[in-house]
Amino acid sequence: LSSSWTAKDNDALKKWFADYINWMQTSEFGKLESKTGNNHEVYYFAQLASFSLYNNDLATAKMAVENGKRMIDEQITADGTMPREIKRTRSSHYSLYGLKAFCILASCGEVVGIDLWNYRTTDGRSIKTPIDFILPYLLKDKSWSWPNVGDDMDKDITNSILFIRPASKAYKTKELQ
């Protein structure tokens, strides 16, 4: 803490996050977002994990990260696509956006002792599956062939750096760095 960020500021932010977490878990809208089957659901649990960690609520953070396993099973196909994202008119953006949420959740898992990076479904799907799928497009080895109205892969690459680096560290791969 500093003169720019006091203990009182920190306590107020923790209370705000606690109130927000409560709203997420009890409001009708929050409950709906936790079941959308797309990036909204993954971001719901990524936020829940992140904000719970900030508030030192490890039980809620663990529960949120554990939900990542179910969502990998439900939202990622064997070829690495995320069907609800790839069908959108801005498919590259939403594919990367959904993947970013999974990476945030996996990073939270590191804090609570759950290795979501290396979790695999019975048929081998994991967070790495969509990374392997999208990497050739990010490296421009392939051309994106799904709807991409108004999207620019170069912009998507720039926006992906913040989650690609932790994934690269988790998978010990230099092509993501």
N, C-alpha and C. Protein backbone atom coordinates (compact mmCIF):
# COMPACT_ATOMS: atom_id res chain seq x y z
N LEU A 1 0.84 -1.18 0.00
CA LEU A 1 0.00 0.00 0.00
C LEU A 1 0.88 1.24 0.00
N SER A 2 0.30 2.32 -0.47
CA SER A 2 1.07 3.55 -0.59
C SER A 2 0.15 4.73 -0.27
N SER A 3 0.71 5.92 -0.36
CA SER A 3 -0.13 7.10 -0.15
C SER A 3 -1.16 7.24 -1.27
N SER A 4 -0.89 6.62 -2.42
CA SER A 4 -1.83 6.65 -3.54
C SER A 4 -2.89 5.56 -3.43
N TRP A 5 -2.59 4.52 -2.69
CA TRP A 5 -3.54 3.41 -2.49
C TRP A 5 -3.45 2.98 -1.04
N THR A 6 -4.42 3.43 -0.25
CA THR A 6 -4.38 3.21 1.19
C THR A 6 -5.08 1.91 1.57
N ALA A 7 -4.91 1.54 2.82
CA ALA A 7 -5.61 0.36 3.35
C ALA A 7 -7.12 0.57 3.26
N LYS A 8 -7.56 1.79 3.47
CA LYS A 8 -9.00 2.10 3.36
C LYS A 8 -9.48 1.89 1.92
N ASP A 9 -8.67 2.32 0.95
CA ASP A 9 -9.01 2.09 -0.46
C ASP A 9 -9.10 0.59 -0.75
N ASN A 10 -8.14 -0.14 -0.25
CA ASN A 10 -8.10 -1.58 -0.48
C ASN A 10 -9.31 -2.27 0.15
N ASP A 11 -9.65 -1.88 1.36
CA ASP A 11 -10.82 -2.46 2.04
C ASP A 11 -12.10 -2.14 1.27
N ALA A 12 -12.20 -0.93 0.75
CA ALA A 12 -13.39 -0.55 -0.02
C ALA A 12 -13.49 -1.37 -1.31
N LEU A 13 -12.37 -1.60 -1.97
CA LEU A 13 -12.39 -2.40 -3.19
C LEU A 13 -12.74 -3.85 -2.88
N LYS A 14 -12.21 -4.37 -1.79
CA LYS A 14 -12.55 -5.74 -1.40
C LYS A 14 -14.05 -5.86 -1.12
N LYS A 15 -14.62 -4.87 -0.48
CA LYS A 15 -16.06 -4.89 -0.22
C LYS A 15 -16.83 -4.84 -1.53
N TRP A 16 -16.38 -3.99 -2.46
CA TRP A 16 -17.05 -3.90 -3.76
C TRP A 16 -17.01 -5.25 -4.46
N PHE A 17 -15.84 -5.90 -4.47
CA PHE A 17 -15.74 -7.22 -5.09
C PHE A 17 -16.62 -8.24 -4.38
N ALA A 18 -16.68 -8.20 -3.06
CA ALA A 18 -17.53 -9.13 -2.32
C ALA A 18 -19.00 -8.92 -2.70
N ASP A 19 -19.42 -7.66 -2.80
CA ASP A 19 -20.79 -7.37 -3.21
C ASP A 19 -21.05 -7.84 -4.64
N TYR A 20 -20.08 -7.63 -5.52
CA TYR A 20 -20.22 -8.04 -6.91
C TYR A 20 -20.28 -9.56 -7.02
N ILE A 21 -19.43 -10.26 -6.28
CA ILE A 21 -19.45 -11.72 -6.27
C ILE A 21 -20.81 -12.21 -5.80
N ASN A 22 -21.33 -11.61 -4.76
CA ASN A 22 -22.65 -11.98 -4.26
C ASN A 22 -23.71 -11.75 -5.34
N TRP A 23 -23.65 -10.61 -6.02
CA TRP A 23 -24.59 -10.33 -7.09
C TRP A 23 -24.47 -11.36 -8.21
N MET A 24 -23.23 -11.68 -8.59
CA MET A 24 -23.02 -12.68 -9.65
C MET A 24 -23.69 -14.00 -9.30
N GLN A 25 -23.57 -14.41 -8.06
CA GLN A 25 -24.05 -15.72 -7.66
C GLN A 25 -25.54 -15.76 -7.29
N THR A 26 -26.15 -14.61 -7.03
CA THR A 26 -27.54 -14.61 -6.57
C THR A 26 -28.52 -13.94 -7.52
N SER A 27 -28.05 -13.05 -8.37
CA SER A 27 -28.97 -12.35 -9.28
C SER A 27 -29.41 -13.27 -10.41
N GLU A 28 -30.57 -13.01 -10.94
CA GLU A 28 -31.07 -13.80 -12.07
C GLU A 28 -30.12 -13.67 -13.26
N PHE A 29 -29.64 -12.46 -13.53
CA PHE A 29 -28.72 -12.24 -14.65
C PHE A 29 -27.42 -13.00 -14.45
N GLY A 30 -26.87 -12.93 -13.26
CA GLY A 30 -25.63 -13.66 -12.97
C GLY A 30 -25.79 -15.15 -13.15
N LYS A 31 -26.89 -15.68 -12.64
CA LYS A 31 -27.15 -17.11 -12.78
C LYS A 31 -27.26 -17.50 -14.26
N LEU A 32 -27.91 -16.66 -15.07
CA LEU A 32 -28.04 -16.94 -16.50
C LEU A 32 -26.67 -16.93 -17.18
N GLU A 33 -25.83 -15.96 -16.84
CA GLU A 33 -24.50 -15.85 -17.45
C GLU A 33 -23.63 -17.06 -17.13
N SER A 34 -23.88 -17.69 -15.99
CA SER A 34 -23.08 -18.84 -15.59
C SER A 34 -23.44 -20.11 -16.36
N LYS A 35 -24.40 -20.00 -17.27
CA LYS A 35 -24.87 -21.18 -18.00
C LYS A 35 -25.03 -20.93 -19.50
N THR A 36 -24.34 -19.99 -20.08
CA THR A 36 -24.58 -19.63 -21.48
C THR A 36 -23.96 -20.60 -22.48
N GLY A 37 -22.94 -21.34 -22.08
CA GLY A 37 -22.29 -22.27 -23.00
C GLY A 37 -21.36 -21.60 -23.99
N ASN A 38 -20.96 -20.36 -23.70
CA ASN A 38 -20.03 -19.66 -24.58
C ASN A 38 -19.07 -18.82 -23.72
N ASN A 39 -18.42 -17.83 -24.36
CA ASN A 39 -17.43 -17.03 -23.64
C ASN A 39 -18.02 -16.31 -22.43
N HIS A 40 -19.30 -16.00 -22.45
CA HIS A 40 -19.91 -15.33 -21.29
C HIS A 40 -19.78 -16.21 -20.04
N GLU A 41 -20.04 -17.49 -20.22
CA GLU A 41 -19.95 -18.43 -19.09
C GLU A 41 -18.51 -18.54 -18.59
N VAL A 42 -17.56 -18.65 -19.52
CA VAL A 42 -16.16 -18.78 -19.11
C VAL A 42 -15.70 -17.50 -18.40
N TYR A 43 -16.09 -16.34 -18.95
CA TYR A 43 -15.73 -15.08 -18.28
C TYR A 43 -16.42 -14.95 -16.93
N TYR A 44 -17.62 -15.44 -16.80
CA TYR A 44 -18.29 -15.43 -15.51
C TYR A 44 -17.40 -16.11 -14.47
N PHE A 45 -16.94 -17.32 -14.80
CA PHE A 45 -16.13 -18.07 -13.83
C PHE A 45 -14.71 -17.50 -13.71
N ALA A 46 -14.17 -16.92 -14.78
CA ALA A 46 -12.86 -16.27 -14.69
C ALA A 46 -12.92 -15.06 -13.76
N GLN A 47 -14.00 -14.28 -13.88
CA GLN A 47 -14.17 -13.14 -12.96
C GLN A 47 -14.39 -13.63 -11.54
N LEU A 48 -15.24 -14.62 -11.39
CA LEU A 48 -15.52 -15.14 -10.05
C LEU A 48 -14.23 -15.63 -9.38
N ALA A 49 -13.40 -16.34 -10.13
CA ALA A 49 -12.13 -16.82 -9.58
C ALA A 49 -11.20 -15.66 -9.25
N SER A 50 -11.04 -14.74 -10.18
CA SER A 50 -10.12 -13.60 -9.99
C SER A 50 -10.52 -12.74 -8.80
N PHE A 51 -11.78 -12.38 -8.74
CA PHE A 51 -12.23 -11.49 -7.67
C PHE A 51 -12.24 -12.21 -6.33
N SER A 52 -12.51 -13.49 -6.35
CA SER A 52 -12.46 -14.27 -5.10
C SER A 52 -11.03 -14.38 -4.60
N LEU A 53 -10.08 -14.54 -5.52
CA LEU A 53 -8.68 -14.57 -5.10
C LEU A 53 -8.28 -13.24 -4.47
N TYR A 54 -8.71 -12.15 -5.07
CA TYR A 54 -8.39 -10.83 -4.51
C TYR A 54 -8.93 -10.71 -3.09
N ASN A 55 -10.08 -11.30 -2.86
CA ASN A 55 -10.70 -11.24 -1.53
C ASN A 55 -10.29 -12.39 -0.63
N ASN A 56 -9.33 -13.20 -1.10
CA ASN A 56 -8.80 -14.33 -0.32
C ASN A 56 -9.87 -15.36 0.00
N ASP A 57 -10.85 -15.50 -0.88
CA ASP A 57 -11.89 -16.52 -0.75
C ASP A 57 -11.49 -17.69 -1.65
N LEU A 58 -10.59 -18.53 -1.13
CA LEU A 58 -10.02 -19.61 -1.91
C LEU A 58 -11.05 -20.68 -2.27
N ALA A 59 -12.02 -20.91 -1.42
CA ALA A 59 -13.04 -21.93 -1.71
C ALA A 59 -13.85 -21.54 -2.95
N THR A 60 -14.26 -20.30 -3.04
CA THR A 60 -15.02 -19.85 -4.22
C THR A 60 -14.13 -19.86 -5.46
N ALA A 61 -12.89 -19.43 -5.31
CA ALA A 61 -11.96 -19.44 -6.44
C ALA A 61 -11.75 -20.86 -6.95
N LYS A 62 -11.57 -21.82 -6.05
CA LYS A 62 -11.39 -23.22 -6.46
C LYS A 62 -12.63 -23.74 -7.20
N MET A 63 -13.80 -23.42 -6.68
CA MET A 63 -15.04 -23.86 -7.32
C MET A 63 -15.12 -23.30 -8.73
N ALA A 64 -14.77 -22.04 -8.89
CA ALA A 64 -14.82 -21.41 -10.21
C ALA A 64 -13.85 -22.08 -11.17
N VAL A 65 -12.63 -22.34 -10.72
CA VAL A 65 -11.63 -22.98 -11.57
C VAL A 65 -12.06 -24.41 -11.91
N GLU A 66 -12.60 -25.13 -10.96
CA GLU A 66 -13.08 -26.50 -11.22
C GLU A 66 -14.13 -26.51 -12.33
N ASN A 67 -14.95 -25.46 -12.41
CA ASN A 67 -15.94 -25.37 -13.48
C ASN A 67 -15.28 -25.28 -14.84
N GLY A 68 -14.04 -24.84 -14.89
CA GLY A 68 -13.31 -24.79 -16.15
C GLY A 68 -13.21 -26.16 -16.80
N LYS A 69 -13.08 -27.21 -16.01
CA LYS A 69 -13.01 -28.57 -16.56
C LYS A 69 -14.28 -28.91 -17.33
N ARG A 70 -15.40 -28.61 -16.73
CA ARG A 70 -16.68 -28.88 -17.38
C ARG A 70 -16.81 -28.06 -18.67
N MET A 71 -16.39 -26.82 -18.61
CA MET A 71 -16.53 -25.95 -19.79
C MET A 71 -15.58 -26.37 -20.91
N ILE A 72 -14.41 -26.88 -20.58
CA ILE A 72 -13.51 -27.42 -21.61
C ILE A 72 -14.24 -28.55 -22.33
N ASP A 73 -14.86 -29.41 -21.56
CA ASP A 73 -15.59 -30.54 -22.13
C ASP A 73 -16.77 -30.07 -22.99
N GLU A 74 -17.46 -29.04 -22.55
CA GLU A 74 -18.67 -28.60 -23.25
C GLU A 74 -18.41 -27.61 -24.38
N GLN A 75 -17.33 -26.86 -24.34
CA GLN A 75 -17.16 -25.75 -25.28
C GLN A 75 -16.03 -25.90 -26.28
N ILE A 76 -15.16 -26.85 -26.07
CA ILE A 76 -14.01 -27.03 -26.97
C ILE A 76 -14.16 -28.37 -27.69
N THR A 77 -14.07 -28.34 -29.02
CA THR A 77 -14.18 -29.58 -29.80
C THR A 77 -12.81 -30.21 -29.97
N ALA A 78 -12.79 -31.43 -30.46
CA ALA A 78 -11.54 -32.17 -30.65
C ALA A 78 -10.60 -31.47 -31.63
N ASP A 79 -11.16 -30.70 -32.58
CA ASP A 79 -10.30 -30.00 -33.54
C ASP A 79 -9.80 -28.65 -33.01
N GLY A 80 -10.23 -28.27 -31.81
CA GLY A 80 -9.76 -27.03 -31.19
C GLY A 80 -10.66 -25.83 -31.39
N THR A 81 -11.73 -25.99 -32.15
CA THR A 81 -12.65 -24.87 -32.31
C THR A 81 -13.58 -24.79 -31.11
N MET A 82 -14.13 -23.62 -30.92
CA MET A 82 -15.17 -23.41 -29.93
C MET A 82 -16.42 -23.05 -30.75
N PRO A 83 -17.31 -24.02 -30.97
CA PRO A 83 -18.41 -23.85 -31.92
C PRO A 83 -19.25 -22.59 -31.76
N ARG A 84 -19.53 -22.20 -30.55
CA ARG A 84 -20.36 -21.00 -30.37
C ARG A 84 -19.60 -19.72 -30.72
N GLU A 85 -18.28 -19.77 -30.72
CA GLU A 85 -17.48 -18.60 -31.07
C GLU A 85 -17.18 -18.58 -32.56
N ILE A 86 -16.89 -19.72 -33.14
CA ILE A 86 -16.49 -19.79 -34.54
C ILE A 86 -17.67 -19.50 -35.48
N LYS A 87 -18.90 -19.66 -34.98
CA LYS A 87 -20.08 -19.40 -35.80
C LYS A 87 -20.45 -17.92 -35.84
N ARG A 88 -19.83 -17.11 -35.02
CA ARG A 88 -20.15 -15.68 -34.97
C ARG A 88 -19.62 -14.97 -36.22
N THR A 89 -20.14 -13.79 -36.49
CA THR A 89 -19.67 -13.03 -37.65
C THR A 89 -18.27 -12.47 -37.41
N ARG A 90 -17.84 -12.40 -36.17
CA ARG A 90 -16.48 -11.97 -35.82
C ARG A 90 -15.76 -13.16 -35.18
N SER A 91 -15.65 -14.23 -35.94
CA SER A 91 -15.22 -15.52 -35.40
C SER A 91 -13.80 -15.53 -34.85
N SER A 92 -12.85 -14.85 -35.49
CA SER A 92 -11.48 -14.88 -34.95
C SER A 92 -11.42 -14.14 -33.61
N HIS A 93 -12.08 -13.00 -33.57
CA HIS A 93 -12.10 -12.23 -32.32
C HIS A 93 -12.70 -13.05 -31.19
N TYR A 94 -13.87 -13.63 -31.41
CA TYR A 94 -14.53 -14.36 -30.33
C TYR A 94 -13.84 -15.67 -29.99
N SER A 95 -13.19 -16.29 -30.97
CA SER A 95 -12.41 -17.49 -30.67
C SER A 95 -11.27 -17.15 -29.72
N LEU A 96 -10.56 -16.06 -30.02
CA LEU A 96 -9.47 -15.63 -29.15
C LEU A 96 -9.99 -15.10 -27.81
N TYR A 97 -11.10 -14.41 -27.85
CA TYR A 97 -11.70 -13.85 -26.64
C TYR A 97 -12.10 -14.97 -25.68
N GLY A 98 -12.74 -16.01 -26.21
CA GLY A 98 -13.12 -17.14 -25.37
C GLY A 98 -11.91 -17.87 -24.83
N LEU A 99 -10.89 -18.02 -25.66
CA LEU A 99 -9.65 -18.67 -25.24
C LEU A 99 -8.97 -17.87 -24.14
N LYS A 100 -9.02 -16.56 -24.25
CA LYS A 100 -8.43 -15.69 -23.22
C LYS A 100 -9.09 -15.96 -21.86
N ALA A 101 -10.40 -16.13 -21.85
CA ALA A 101 -11.11 -16.39 -20.59
C ALA A 101 -10.65 -17.71 -19.97
N PHE A 102 -10.47 -18.74 -20.82
CA PHE A 102 -9.95 -20.02 -20.31
C PHE A 102 -8.56 -19.84 -19.72
N CYS A 103 -7.73 -19.02 -20.36
CA CYS A 103 -6.36 -18.80 -19.86
C CYS A 103 -6.37 -18.03 -18.54
N ILE A 104 -7.26 -17.07 -18.40
CA ILE A 104 -7.39 -16.36 -17.12
C ILE A 104 -7.78 -17.35 -16.03
N LEU A 105 -8.73 -18.20 -16.33
CA LEU A 105 -9.17 -19.20 -15.36
C LEU A 105 -8.03 -20.15 -14.99
N ALA A 106 -7.26 -20.56 -15.99
CA ALA A 106 -6.11 -21.45 -15.72
C ALA A 106 -5.06 -20.75 -14.86
N SER A 107 -4.83 -19.46 -15.10
CA SER A 107 -3.88 -18.70 -14.28
C SER A 107 -4.36 -18.63 -12.84
N CYS A 108 -5.66 -18.46 -12.65
CA CYS A 108 -6.22 -18.48 -11.28
C CYS A 108 -6.03 -19.85 -10.66
N GLY A 109 -6.15 -20.88 -11.47
CA GLY A 109 -5.94 -22.24 -10.97
C GLY A 109 -4.56 -22.45 -10.39
N GLU A 110 -3.56 -21.78 -10.98
CA GLU A 110 -2.20 -21.89 -10.45
C GLU A 110 -2.14 -21.45 -9.00
N VAL A 111 -2.92 -20.44 -8.64
CA VAL A 111 -2.90 -19.88 -7.29
C VAL A 111 -3.56 -20.83 -6.29
N VAL A 112 -4.59 -21.55 -6.74
CA VAL A 112 -5.33 -22.42 -5.81
C VAL A 112 -4.96 -23.89 -5.93
N GLY A 113 -3.91 -24.18 -6.70
CA GLY A 113 -3.41 -25.54 -6.79
C GLY A 113 -4.17 -26.45 -7.74
N ILE A 114 -4.85 -25.89 -8.72
CA ILE A 114 -5.57 -26.69 -9.72
C ILE A 114 -4.91 -26.43 -11.07
N ASP A 115 -4.38 -27.47 -11.68
CA ASP A 115 -3.68 -27.33 -12.96
C ASP A 115 -4.66 -27.45 -14.12
N LEU A 116 -5.35 -26.36 -14.40
CA LEU A 116 -6.30 -26.35 -15.51
C LEU A 116 -5.58 -26.31 -16.86
N TRP A 117 -4.34 -25.79 -16.87
CA TRP A 117 -3.56 -25.77 -18.11
C TRP A 117 -3.43 -27.18 -18.68
N ASN A 118 -3.19 -28.15 -17.84
CA ASN A 118 -2.92 -29.51 -18.29
C ASN A 118 -4.09 -30.47 -18.09
N TYR A 119 -5.22 -29.95 -17.69
CA TYR A 119 -6.41 -30.79 -17.58
C TYR A 119 -6.80 -31.26 -18.99
N ARG A 120 -7.13 -32.53 -19.11
CA ARG A 120 -7.58 -33.10 -20.39
C ARG A 120 -8.87 -33.87 -20.18
N THR A 121 -9.76 -33.75 -21.16
CA THR A 121 -10.97 -34.55 -21.14
C THR A 121 -10.60 -35.99 -21.50
N THR A 122 -11.54 -36.90 -21.39
CA THR A 122 -11.23 -38.30 -21.70
C THR A 122 -10.78 -38.48 -23.14
N ASP A 123 -11.20 -37.59 -24.05
CA ASP A 123 -10.76 -37.70 -25.44
C ASP A 123 -9.63 -36.73 -25.78
N GLY A 124 -8.99 -36.15 -24.75
CA GLY A 124 -7.77 -35.38 -24.95
C GLY A 124 -7.91 -33.88 -25.16
N ARG A 125 -9.12 -33.34 -25.07
CA ARG A 125 -9.28 -31.89 -25.25
C ARG A 125 -8.80 -31.15 -24.02
N SER A 126 -8.24 -29.97 -24.25
CA SER A 126 -7.69 -29.16 -23.16
C SER A 126 -7.70 -27.70 -23.61
N ILE A 127 -7.18 -26.82 -22.79
CA ILE A 127 -7.02 -25.42 -23.20
C ILE A 127 -6.02 -25.34 -24.35
N LYS A 128 -5.06 -26.24 -24.37
CA LYS A 128 -4.07 -26.22 -25.43
C LYS A 128 -4.67 -26.57 -26.80
N THR A 129 -5.77 -27.32 -26.82
CA THR A 129 -6.39 -27.71 -28.08
C THR A 129 -6.76 -26.49 -28.93
N PRO A 130 -7.48 -25.49 -28.39
CA PRO A 130 -7.76 -24.31 -29.23
C PRO A 130 -6.52 -23.44 -29.49
N ILE A 131 -5.55 -23.49 -28.59
CA ILE A 131 -4.30 -22.77 -28.87
C ILE A 131 -3.62 -23.38 -30.08
N ASP A 132 -3.53 -24.71 -30.10
CA ASP A 132 -2.92 -25.38 -31.25
C ASP A 132 -3.72 -25.12 -32.53
N PHE A 133 -5.03 -25.03 -32.39
CA PHE A 133 -5.88 -24.75 -33.55
C PHE A 133 -5.60 -23.35 -34.12
N ILE A 134 -5.54 -22.37 -33.25
CA ILE A 134 -5.49 -20.98 -33.72
C ILE A 134 -4.07 -20.49 -34.01
N LEU A 135 -3.07 -21.15 -33.46
CA LEU A 135 -1.69 -20.70 -33.63
C LEU A 135 -1.27 -20.53 -35.10
N PRO A 136 -1.57 -21.45 -36.00
CA PRO A 136 -1.16 -21.25 -37.40
C PRO A 136 -1.78 -20.00 -38.03
N TYR A 137 -2.95 -19.60 -37.56
CA TYR A 137 -3.59 -18.39 -38.08
C TYR A 137 -2.92 -17.15 -37.51
N LEU A 138 -2.55 -17.22 -36.24
CA LEU A 138 -1.84 -16.09 -35.62
C LEU A 138 -0.46 -15.90 -36.24
N LEU A 139 0.19 -17.01 -36.58
CA LEU A 139 1.52 -16.95 -37.20
C LEU A 139 1.45 -16.71 -38.71
N LYS A 140 0.23 -16.63 -39.22
CA LYS A 140 -0.04 -16.39 -40.65
C LYS A 140 0.44 -17.54 -41.54
N ASP A 141 0.49 -18.74 -40.98
CA ASP A 141 0.78 -19.93 -41.78
C ASP A 141 -0.47 -20.40 -42.52
N LYS A 142 -1.65 -19.98 -42.02
CA LYS A 142 -2.93 -20.31 -42.64
C LYS A 142 -3.79 -19.05 -42.70
N SER A 143 -4.73 -19.04 -43.62
CA SER A 143 -5.69 -17.94 -43.72
C SER A 143 -7.00 -18.33 -43.05
N TRP A 144 -7.52 -17.43 -42.27
CA TRP A 144 -8.77 -17.67 -41.55
C TRP A 144 -9.91 -17.80 -42.56
N SER A 145 -10.72 -18.85 -42.43
CA SER A 145 -11.75 -19.09 -43.44
C SER A 145 -13.18 -19.04 -42.89
N TRP A 146 -13.35 -18.58 -41.68
CA TRP A 146 -14.68 -18.45 -41.08
C TRP A 146 -15.12 -17.00 -41.15
N PRO A 147 -16.39 -16.71 -40.90
CA PRO A 147 -16.86 -15.32 -40.96
C PRO A 147 -16.00 -14.41 -40.08
N ASN A 148 -15.65 -13.26 -40.60
CA ASN A 148 -14.78 -12.35 -39.86
C ASN A 148 -15.09 -10.90 -40.22
N VAL A 149 -16.34 -10.55 -40.14
CA VAL A 149 -16.79 -9.23 -40.52
C VAL A 149 -16.09 -8.16 -39.68
N GLY A 150 -15.33 -7.32 -40.35
CA GLY A 150 -14.69 -6.19 -39.70
C GLY A 150 -13.53 -6.53 -38.79
N ASP A 151 -13.15 -7.78 -38.71
CA ASP A 151 -12.04 -8.14 -37.83
C ASP A 151 -10.73 -8.20 -38.58
N ASP A 152 -9.69 -7.97 -37.85
CA ASP A 152 -8.34 -7.93 -38.39
C ASP A 152 -7.47 -8.84 -37.52
N MET A 153 -6.92 -9.90 -38.11
CA MET A 153 -6.12 -10.84 -37.32
C MET A 153 -4.91 -10.15 -36.67
N ASP A 154 -4.34 -9.13 -37.31
CA ASP A 154 -3.20 -8.43 -36.69
C ASP A 154 -3.63 -7.78 -35.37
N LYS A 155 -4.80 -7.19 -35.36
CA LYS A 155 -5.32 -6.60 -34.12
C LYS A 155 -5.59 -7.70 -33.09
N ASP A 156 -6.13 -8.83 -33.55
CA ASP A 156 -6.38 -9.94 -32.65
C ASP A 156 -5.09 -10.47 -32.04
N ILE A 157 -4.02 -10.51 -32.83
CA ILE A 157 -2.73 -10.96 -32.33
C ILE A 157 -2.26 -10.05 -31.21
N THR A 158 -2.32 -8.75 -31.43
CA THR A 158 -1.90 -7.78 -30.41
C THR A 158 -2.71 -7.95 -29.13
N ASN A 159 -4.01 -8.14 -29.27
CA ASN A 159 -4.87 -8.30 -28.10
C ASN A 159 -4.67 -9.65 -27.41
N SER A 160 -4.00 -10.57 -28.04
CA SER A 160 -3.82 -11.91 -27.50
C SER A 160 -2.56 -12.06 -26.66
N ILE A 161 -1.64 -11.14 -26.76
CA ILE A 161 -0.34 -11.27 -26.10
C ILE A 161 -0.48 -11.51 -24.60
N LEU A 162 -1.39 -10.84 -23.94
CA LEU A 162 -1.50 -10.95 -22.49
C LEU A 162 -1.88 -12.36 -22.02
N PHE A 163 -2.57 -13.12 -22.85
CA PHE A 163 -2.87 -14.48 -22.42
C PHE A 163 -1.98 -15.51 -23.11
N ILE A 164 -1.38 -15.16 -24.21
CA ILE A 164 -0.50 -16.10 -24.90
C ILE A 164 0.77 -16.33 -24.09
N ARG A 165 1.28 -15.30 -23.45
CA ARG A 165 2.51 -15.47 -22.66
C ARG A 165 2.34 -16.43 -21.50
N PRO A 166 1.28 -16.31 -20.68
CA PRO A 166 1.11 -17.31 -19.62
C PRO A 166 0.91 -18.73 -20.18
N ALA A 167 0.21 -18.84 -21.31
CA ALA A 167 0.03 -20.16 -21.93
C ALA A 167 1.37 -20.71 -22.39
N SER A 168 2.20 -19.85 -22.95
CA SER A 168 3.52 -20.27 -23.41
C SER A 168 4.36 -20.78 -22.25
N LYS A 169 4.28 -20.09 -21.13
CA LYS A 169 5.01 -20.51 -19.93
C LYS A 169 4.47 -21.86 -19.44
N ALA A 170 3.15 -22.00 -19.41
CA ALA A 170 2.54 -23.24 -18.93
C ALA A 170 2.89 -24.43 -19.82
N TYR A 171 2.95 -24.18 -21.13
CA TYR A 171 3.21 -25.28 -22.07
C TYR A 171 4.66 -25.36 -22.51
N LYS A 172 5.48 -24.44 -21.98
CA LYS A 172 6.93 -24.42 -22.29
C LYS A 172 7.18 -24.45 -23.81
N THR A 173 6.49 -23.54 -24.49
CA THR A 173 6.63 -23.44 -25.94
C THR A 173 7.13 -22.06 -26.32
N LYS A 174 8.10 -22.00 -27.20
CA LYS A 174 8.61 -20.69 -27.60
C LYS A 174 7.80 -20.07 -28.73
N GLU A 175 7.01 -20.87 -29.48
CA GLU A 175 6.28 -20.27 -30.58
C GLU A 175 5.16 -19.34 -30.10
N LEU A 176 4.80 -19.41 -28.84
CA LEU A 176 3.78 -18.51 -28.31
C LEU A 176 4.38 -17.24 -27.71
N GLN A 177 5.68 -17.15 -27.60
CA GLN A 177 6.29 -16.00 -26.93
C GLN A 177 6.46 -14.81 -27.83
